[in-house]
Amino acid sequence: MTPLTIAIPKGRVTRALAPLFERAGIDPAPILADERRLVRASADGRLRFLLLKPDDVPTYVEYGAAELGVSGRDILRERGYDLYEPLDLRVGRCRLVVAGRASANVPAVPRVATKYSQAATDHFLSKGVQAEVIYVQGSVELAPLVGLADLIVDLVESGATLRDNGLVEIETILDVSSVLVANPSLYKLRHADIEPLVTKLRKAVDG
């Protein structure tokens, strides 16, 4: 039997997935193992896991290297992948927000620092604002403090990092959680194998 391949994001979402997998009858030990192997298998050989950077998970699924994957809604919205989303796993919850300095006057054409260039552009255009979007990979909160940008668009969980840097949330663009994604063609081809797994995960999420 050919194992089902699931692309898993490395990091905190992996740890959040472990109890959900366990409730669904999937042994989480392979994804939690402290080792360098990026391809791991379940004890019964029915599942294969690819441990990837979160940004890469949808790519592996879209191109058929994995039938299933776990990805954040932020990444899916930013890049517009052609993927089926059968289940919201309700883990990795956070928000994609616009934030800035509390006392700042935002110009009519604001400069916006973000990793989420497309989402930011789309959001401001929907409000009739032609923002200048500046791509930055990390430490986004620094941008308004040193004059690089007027605003930022970034993921926020508790908001503590914003507050620590004198920033406030202005509005939410997207409520984010991790969802199960599937390659549409492979989902149809291996429906008999995939659907029971999705059903178990759905019961685990609802339970």
C-alpha atoms as a PDB file:
ATOM      1  CA  MET A   1       0.000   0.000   0.000  1.00  0.00           C
ATOM      2  CA  THR A   2       1.320   3.446  -0.934  1.00  0.00           C
ATOM      3  CA  PRO A   3       1.394   5.664   2.163  1.00  0.00           C
ATOM      4  CA  LEU A   4      -0.484   8.930   2.292  1.00  0.00           C
ATOM      5  CA  THR A   5       1.950  11.827   2.444  1.00  0.00           C
ATOM      6  CA  ILE A   6       1.164  14.761   4.727  1.00  0.00           C
ATOM      7  CA  ALA A   7       3.245  17.943   4.652  1.00  0.00           C
ATOM      8  CA  ILE A   8       3.661  19.291   8.190  1.00  0.00           C
ATOM      9  CA  PRO A   9       4.945  22.762   9.139  1.00  0.00           C
ATOM     10  CA  LYS A  10       7.899  22.669  11.500  1.00  0.00           C
ATOM     11  CA  GLY A  11       7.623  24.721  14.694  1.00  0.00           C
ATOM     12  CA  ARG A  12       4.882  25.617  17.145  1.00  0.00           C
ATOM     13  CA  VAL A  13       2.071  24.374  14.883  1.00  0.00           C
ATOM     14  CA  THR A  14       3.633  20.901  14.950  1.00  0.00           C
ATOM     15  CA  ARG A  15       3.310  20.840  18.732  1.00  0.00           C
ATOM     16  CA  ALA A  16      -0.270  22.099  18.510  1.00  0.00           C
ATOM     17  CA  LEU A  17      -1.119  19.357  16.007  1.00  0.00           C
ATOM     18  CA  ALA A  18       0.165  16.546  18.228  1.00  0.00           C
ATOM     19  CA  PRO A  19      -2.832  16.298  20.613  1.00  0.00           C
ATOM     20  CA  LEU A  20      -5.257  16.700  17.706  1.00  0.00           C
ATOM     21  CA  PHE A  21      -3.584  13.866  15.823  1.00  0.00           C
ATOM     22  CA  GLU A  22      -3.625  11.721  18.947  1.00  0.00           C
ATOM     23  CA  ARG A  23      -7.385  12.228  19.375  1.00  0.00           C
ATOM     24  CA  ALA A  24      -7.795  11.196  15.724  1.00  0.00           C
ATOM     25  CA  GLY A  25      -5.870   7.976  16.313  1.00  0.00           C
ATOM     26  CA  ILE A  26      -2.715   9.181  14.558  1.00  0.00           C
ATOM     27  CA  ASP A  27       0.473   8.585  16.522  1.00  0.00           C
ATOM     28  CA  PRO A  28       2.189  12.007  16.772  1.00  0.00           C
ATOM     29  CA  ALA A  29       5.559  10.502  17.752  1.00  0.00           C
ATOM     30  CA  PRO A  30       7.060  10.721  14.221  1.00  0.00           C
ATOM     31  CA  ILE A  31       6.407  14.460  13.902  1.00  0.00           C
ATOM     32  CA  LEU A  32       7.575  15.193  17.460  1.00  0.00           C
ATOM     33  CA  ALA A  33      10.797  13.153  17.318  1.00  0.00           C
ATOM     34  CA  ASP A  34      13.895  15.238  18.031  1.00  0.00           C
ATOM     35  CA  GLU A  35      15.845  14.315  14.920  1.00  0.00           C
ATOM     36  CA  ARG A  36      17.031  15.853  11.666  1.00  0.00           C
ATOM     37  CA  ARG A  37      15.184  13.600   9.221  1.00  0.00           C
ATOM     38  CA  LEU A  38      12.690  15.570   7.155  1.00  0.00           C
ATOM     39  CA  VAL A  39      10.819  12.501   5.874  1.00  0.00           C
ATOM     40  CA  ARG A  40       9.265  10.324   8.565  1.00  0.00           C
ATOM     41  CA  ALA A  41       6.779   7.473   8.620  1.00  0.00           C
ATOM     42  CA  SER A  42       4.125   6.133  10.946  1.00  0.00           C
ATOM     43  CA  ALA A  43       4.834   2.815  12.635  1.00  0.00           C
ATOM     44  CA  ASP A  44       2.303   0.993  10.429  1.00  0.00           C
ATOM     45  CA  GLY A  45       3.693   2.564   7.235  1.00  0.00           C
ATOM     46  CA  ARG A  46       0.323   4.012   6.229  1.00  0.00           C
ATOM     47  CA  LEU A  47       1.370   7.641   6.629  1.00  0.00           C
ATOM     48  CA  ARG A  48       4.450   9.552   5.573  1.00  0.00           C
ATOM     49  CA  PHE A  49       5.226  13.002   6.957  1.00  0.00           C
ATOM     50  CA  LEU A  50       7.292  15.734   5.313  1.00  0.00           C
ATOM     51  CA  LEU A  51       8.616  18.266   7.844  1.00  0.00           C
ATOM     52  CA  LEU A  52       8.811  21.613   6.040  1.00  0.00           C
ATOM     53  CA  LYS A  53       9.042  25.341   6.581  1.00  0.00           C
ATOM     54  CA  PRO A  54       5.453  26.631   6.901  1.00  0.00           C
ATOM     55  CA  ASP A  55       5.708  28.757   3.753  1.00  0.00           C
ATOM     56  CA  ASP A  56       6.637  25.691   1.692  1.00  0.00           C
ATOM     57  CA  VAL A  57       3.823  23.344   2.735  1.00  0.00           C
ATOM     58  CA  PRO A  58       1.225  24.494   0.153  1.00  0.00           C
ATOM     59  CA  THR A  59       3.784  24.288  -2.659  1.00  0.00           C
ATOM     60  CA  TYR A  60       4.542  20.631  -1.930  1.00  0.00           C
ATOM     61  CA  VAL A  61       0.820  19.860  -1.876  1.00  0.00           C
ATOM     62  CA  GLU A  62      -0.027  21.881  -4.984  1.00  0.00           C
ATOM     63  CA  TYR A  63       2.643  20.105  -7.029  1.00  0.00           C
ATOM     64  CA  GLY A  64       1.650  16.648  -5.792  1.00  0.00           C
ATOM     65  CA  ALA A  65       4.648  15.827  -3.590  1.00  0.00           C
ATOM     66  CA  ALA A  66       2.109  15.367  -0.776  1.00  0.00           C
ATOM     67  CA  GLU A  67      -1.573  14.525  -0.905  1.00  0.00           C
ATOM     68  CA  LEU A  68      -2.339  16.561   2.213  1.00  0.00           C
ATOM     69  CA  GLY A  69      -0.773  19.347   4.208  1.00  0.00           C
ATOM     70  CA  VAL A  70      -1.324  21.705   7.117  1.00  0.00           C
ATOM     71  CA  SER A  71      -1.105  25.393   6.287  1.00  0.00           C
ATOM     72  CA  GLY A  72      -2.077  28.734   7.776  1.00  0.00           C
ATOM     73  CA  ARG A  73      -4.813  30.757   6.115  1.00  0.00           C
ATOM     74  CA  ASP A  74      -2.403  33.680   5.916  1.00  0.00           C
ATOM     75  CA  ILE A  75      -0.085  31.809   3.548  1.00  0.00           C
ATOM     76  CA  LEU A  76      -2.971  30.488   1.455  1.00  0.00           C
ATOM     77  CA  ARG A  77      -4.484  33.937   1.027  1.00  0.00           C
ATOM     78  CA  GLU A  78      -1.153  35.587   0.274  1.00  0.00           C
ATOM     79  CA  ARG A  79      -0.259  33.259  -2.579  1.00  0.00           C
ATOM     80  CA  GLY A  80      -3.569  32.097  -3.973  1.00  0.00           C
ATOM     81  CA  TYR A  81      -2.843  28.373  -4.211  1.00  0.00           C
ATOM     82  CA  ASP A  82      -5.161  26.029  -6.110  1.00  0.00           C
ATOM     83  CA  LEU A  83      -5.871  23.708  -3.201  1.00  0.00           C
ATOM     84  CA  TYR A  84      -8.875  22.041  -1.635  1.00  0.00           C
ATOM     85  CA  GLU A  85      -9.473  22.948   2.043  1.00  0.00           C
ATOM     86  CA  PRO A  86     -11.551  20.140   3.569  1.00  0.00           C
ATOM     87  CA  LEU A  87     -11.117  21.051   7.239  1.00  0.00           C
ATOM     88  CA  ASP A  88     -10.247  23.923   9.574  1.00  0.00           C
ATOM     89  CA  LEU A  89      -8.058  22.338  12.250  1.00  0.00           C
ATOM     90  CA  ARG A  90      -8.577  25.262  14.653  1.00  0.00           C
ATOM     91  CA  VAL A  91      -4.960  25.343  15.786  1.00  0.00           C
ATOM     92  CA  GLY A  92      -2.349  28.047  15.348  1.00  0.00           C
ATOM     93  CA  ARG A  93      -4.974  30.738  15.803  1.00  0.00           C
ATOM     94  CA  CYS A  94      -3.929  34.351  15.364  1.00  0.00           C
ATOM     95  CA  ARG A  95      -4.863  37.441  13.334  1.00  0.00           C
ATOM     96  CA  LEU A  96      -3.418  39.281  10.356  1.00  0.00           C
ATOM     97  CA  VAL A  97      -3.711  42.928  11.347  1.00  0.00           C
ATOM     98  CA  VAL A  98      -2.838  46.459  10.388  1.00  0.00           C
ATOM     99  CA  ALA A  99      -0.907  48.193  13.178  1.00  0.00           C
ATOM    100  CA  GLY A 100       0.928  51.441  13.728  1.00  0.00           C
ATOM    101  CA  ARG A 101       2.084  53.953  16.306  1.00  0.00           C
ATOM    102  CA  ALA A 102      -0.745  55.202  18.489  1.00  0.00           C
ATOM    103  CA  SER A 103       0.077  58.878  18.035  1.00  0.00           C
ATOM    104  CA  ALA A 104       1.065  58.792  14.361  1.00  0.00           C
ATOM    105  CA  ASN A 105      -0.737  60.691  11.616  1.00  0.00           C
ATOM    106  CA  VAL A 106      -1.101  58.278   8.715  1.00  0.00           C
ATOM    107  CA  PRO A 107      -0.724  59.966   5.305  1.00  0.00           C
ATOM    108  CA  ALA A 108      -3.165  59.495   2.436  1.00  0.00           C
ATOM    109  CA  VAL A 109      -0.628  57.230   0.710  1.00  0.00           C
ATOM    110  CA  PRO A 110       0.863  55.277   3.613  1.00  0.00           C
ATOM    111  CA  ARG A 111       3.983  53.194   3.489  1.00  0.00           C
ATOM    112  CA  VAL A 112       3.229  49.714   4.806  1.00  0.00           C
ATOM    113  CA  ALA A 113       5.933  47.252   5.880  1.00  0.00           C
ATOM    114  CA  THR A 114       4.998  43.587   5.715  1.00  0.00           C
ATOM    115  CA  LYS A 115       5.856  40.066   4.679  1.00  0.00           C
ATOM    116  CA  TYR A 116       2.316  39.814   3.294  1.00  0.00           C
ATOM    117  CA  SER A 117       2.636  42.108   0.287  1.00  0.00           C
ATOM    118  CA  GLN A 118      -0.352  40.800  -1.673  1.00  0.00           C
ATOM    119  CA  ALA A 119      -2.715  40.668   1.287  1.00  0.00           C
ATOM    120  CA  ALA A 120      -1.724  44.190   2.329  1.00  0.00           C
ATOM    121  CA  THR A 121      -2.092  45.564  -1.199  1.00  0.00           C
ATOM    122  CA  ASP A 122      -5.494  43.941  -1.647  1.00  0.00           C
ATOM    123  CA  HIS A 123      -6.711  45.178   1.732  1.00  0.00           C
ATOM    124  CA  PHE A 124      -5.788  48.801   1.194  1.00  0.00           C
ATOM    125  CA  LEU A 125      -7.091  48.790  -2.375  1.00  0.00           C
ATOM    126  CA  SER A 126     -10.426  47.501  -1.057  1.00  0.00           C
ATOM    127  CA  LYS A 127     -10.534  50.678   1.045  1.00  0.00           C
ATOM    128  CA  GLY A 128      -9.600  52.872  -1.901  1.00  0.00           C
ATOM    129  CA  VAL A 129      -6.072  53.470  -0.601  1.00  0.00           C
ATOM    130  CA  GLN A 130      -3.040  53.164  -2.898  1.00  0.00           C
ATOM    131  CA  ALA A 131      -0.511  52.142  -0.246  1.00  0.00           C
ATOM    132  CA  GLU A 132       3.211  51.823  -0.872  1.00  0.00           C
ATOM    133  CA  VAL A 133       3.944  48.302   0.326  1.00  0.00           C
ATOM    134  CA  ILE A 134       7.502  47.563   1.465  1.00  0.00           C
ATOM    135  CA  TYR A 135       8.490  43.903   1.761  1.00  0.00           C
ATOM    136  CA  VAL A 136      10.320  42.986   4.971  1.00  0.00           C
ATOM    137  CA  GLN A 137      10.926  39.436   6.162  1.00  0.00           C
ATOM    138  CA  GLY A 138      11.181  39.888   9.922  1.00  0.00           C
ATOM    139  CA  SER A 139      11.188  42.347  12.849  1.00  0.00           C
ATOM    140  CA  VAL A 140       8.322  44.147  11.149  1.00  0.00           C
ATOM    141  CA  GLU A 141       7.480  46.082  14.323  1.00  0.00           C
ATOM    142  CA  LEU A 142      10.711  48.042  13.926  1.00  0.00           C
ATOM    143  CA  ALA A 143       9.613  49.710  10.681  1.00  0.00           C
ATOM    144  CA  PRO A 144       7.327  52.429  12.147  1.00  0.00           C
ATOM    145  CA  LEU A 145       9.799  53.131  14.953  1.00  0.00           C
ATOM    146  CA  VAL A 146      12.625  54.140  12.609  1.00  0.00           C
ATOM    147  CA  GLY A 147      10.566  55.812   9.902  1.00  0.00           C
ATOM    148  CA  LEU A 148      10.709  53.039   7.314  1.00  0.00           C
ATOM    149  CA  ALA A 149       6.934  52.762   7.238  1.00  0.00           C
ATOM    150  CA  ASP A 150       3.792  54.371   8.613  1.00  0.00           C
ATOM    151  CA  LEU A 151       2.008  51.076   9.202  1.00  0.00           C
ATOM    152  CA  ILE A 152       2.684  47.356   9.315  1.00  0.00           C
ATOM    153  CA  VAL A 153       0.668  44.294   8.363  1.00  0.00           C
ATOM    154  CA  ASP A 154       1.637  41.295  10.437  1.00  0.00           C
ATOM    155  CA  LEU A 155       0.420  38.279  12.376  1.00  0.00           C
ATOM    156  CA  VAL A 156      -0.600  38.912  15.970  1.00  0.00           C
ATOM    157  CA  GLU A 157      -1.458  36.371  18.635  1.00  0.00           C
ATOM    158  CA  SER A 158      -1.627  38.148  21.995  1.00  0.00           C
ATOM    159  CA  GLY A 159      -0.549  41.602  20.838  1.00  0.00           C
ATOM    160  CA  ALA A 160       2.262  41.729  23.410  1.00  0.00           C
ATOM    161  CA  THR A 161       5.014  42.372  20.845  1.00  0.00           C
ATOM    162  CA  LEU A 162       3.063  45.280  19.402  1.00  0.00           C
ATOM    163  CA  ARG A 163       2.518  46.811  22.829  1.00  0.00           C
ATOM    164  CA  ASP A 164       6.164  46.335  23.791  1.00  0.00           C
ATOM    165  CA  ASN A 165       7.126  48.368  20.714  1.00  0.00           C
ATOM    166  CA  GLY A 166       4.575  51.148  21.208  1.00  0.00           C
ATOM    167  CA  LEU A 167       2.252  49.952  18.444  1.00  0.00           C
ATOM    168  CA  VAL A 168      -1.502  49.427  18.447  1.00  0.00           C
ATOM    169  CA  GLU A 169      -3.802  47.312  16.327  1.00  0.00           C
ATOM    170  CA  ILE A 170      -5.850  49.383  13.909  1.00  0.00           C
ATOM    171  CA  GLU A 171      -7.902  46.714  12.151  1.00  0.00           C
ATOM    172  CA  THR A 172      -8.010  42.997  11.453  1.00  0.00           C
ATOM    173  CA  ILE A 173      -7.587  41.821   7.876  1.00  0.00           C
ATOM    174  CA  LEU A 174      -7.990  38.092   8.458  1.00  0.00           C
ATOM    175  CA  ASP A 175      -8.614  35.642  11.299  1.00  0.00           C
ATOM    176  CA  VAL A 176      -5.975  32.967  10.832  1.00  0.00           C
ATOM    177  CA  SER A 177      -5.902  29.298  11.784  1.00  0.00           C
ATOM    178  CA  SER A 178      -4.247  26.197  10.388  1.00  0.00           C
ATOM    179  CA  VAL A 179      -6.300  24.260   7.865  1.00  0.00           C
ATOM    180  CA  LEU A 180      -5.962  20.886   6.225  1.00  0.00           C
ATOM    181  CA  VAL A 181      -5.236  21.358   2.527  1.00  0.00           C
ATOM    182  CA  ALA A 182      -5.317  18.783  -0.240  1.00  0.00           C
ATOM    183  CA  ASN A 183      -4.172  18.475  -3.810  1.00  0.00           C
ATOM    184  CA  PRO A 184      -7.518  18.427  -5.695  1.00  0.00           C
ATOM    185  CA  SER A 185      -6.502  15.753  -8.207  1.00  0.00           C
ATOM    186  CA  LEU A 186      -4.919  13.468  -5.620  1.00  0.00           C
ATOM    187  CA  TYR A 187      -7.895  13.940  -3.305  1.00  0.00           C
ATOM    188  CA  LYS A 188     -10.139  12.481  -5.999  1.00  0.00           C
ATOM    189  CA  LEU A 189      -7.654   9.774  -6.942  1.00  0.00           C
ATOM    190  CA  ARG A 190      -7.113   8.601  -3.362  1.00  0.00           C
ATOM    191  CA  HIS A 191     -10.478   9.566  -1.924  1.00  0.00           C
ATOM    192  CA  ALA A 192     -10.989   6.123  -0.363  1.00  0.00           C
ATOM    193  CA  ASP A 193      -7.763   6.543   1.621  1.00  0.00           C
ATOM    194  CA  ILE A 194      -8.040  10.257   2.423  1.00  0.00           C
ATOM    195  CA  GLU A 195     -11.697  10.633   3.411  1.00  0.00           C
ATOM    196  CA  PRO A 196     -11.523   8.299   6.475  1.00  0.00           C
ATOM    197  CA  LEU A 197      -8.530  10.289   7.739  1.00  0.00           C
ATOM    198  CA  VAL A 198     -10.353  13.586   7.222  1.00  0.00           C
ATOM    199  CA  THR A 199     -13.389  12.174   9.055  1.00  0.00           C
ATOM    200  CA  LYS A 200     -11.248  11.171  12.058  1.00  0.00           C
ATOM    201  CA  LEU A 201      -9.617  14.588  12.153  1.00  0.00           C
ATOM    202  CA  ARG A 202     -12.998  16.324  11.902  1.00  0.00           C
ATOM    203  CA  LYS A 203     -14.290  14.330  14.883  1.00  0.00           C
ATOM    204  CA  ALA A 204     -11.111  15.170  16.801  1.00  0.00           C
ATOM    205  CA  VAL A 205     -11.549  18.879  16.056  1.00  0.00           C
ATOM    206  CA  ASP A 206     -15.231  18.866  17.013  1.00  0.00           C
ATOM    207  CA  GLY A 207     -14.632  16.739  20.103  1.00  0.00           C
END
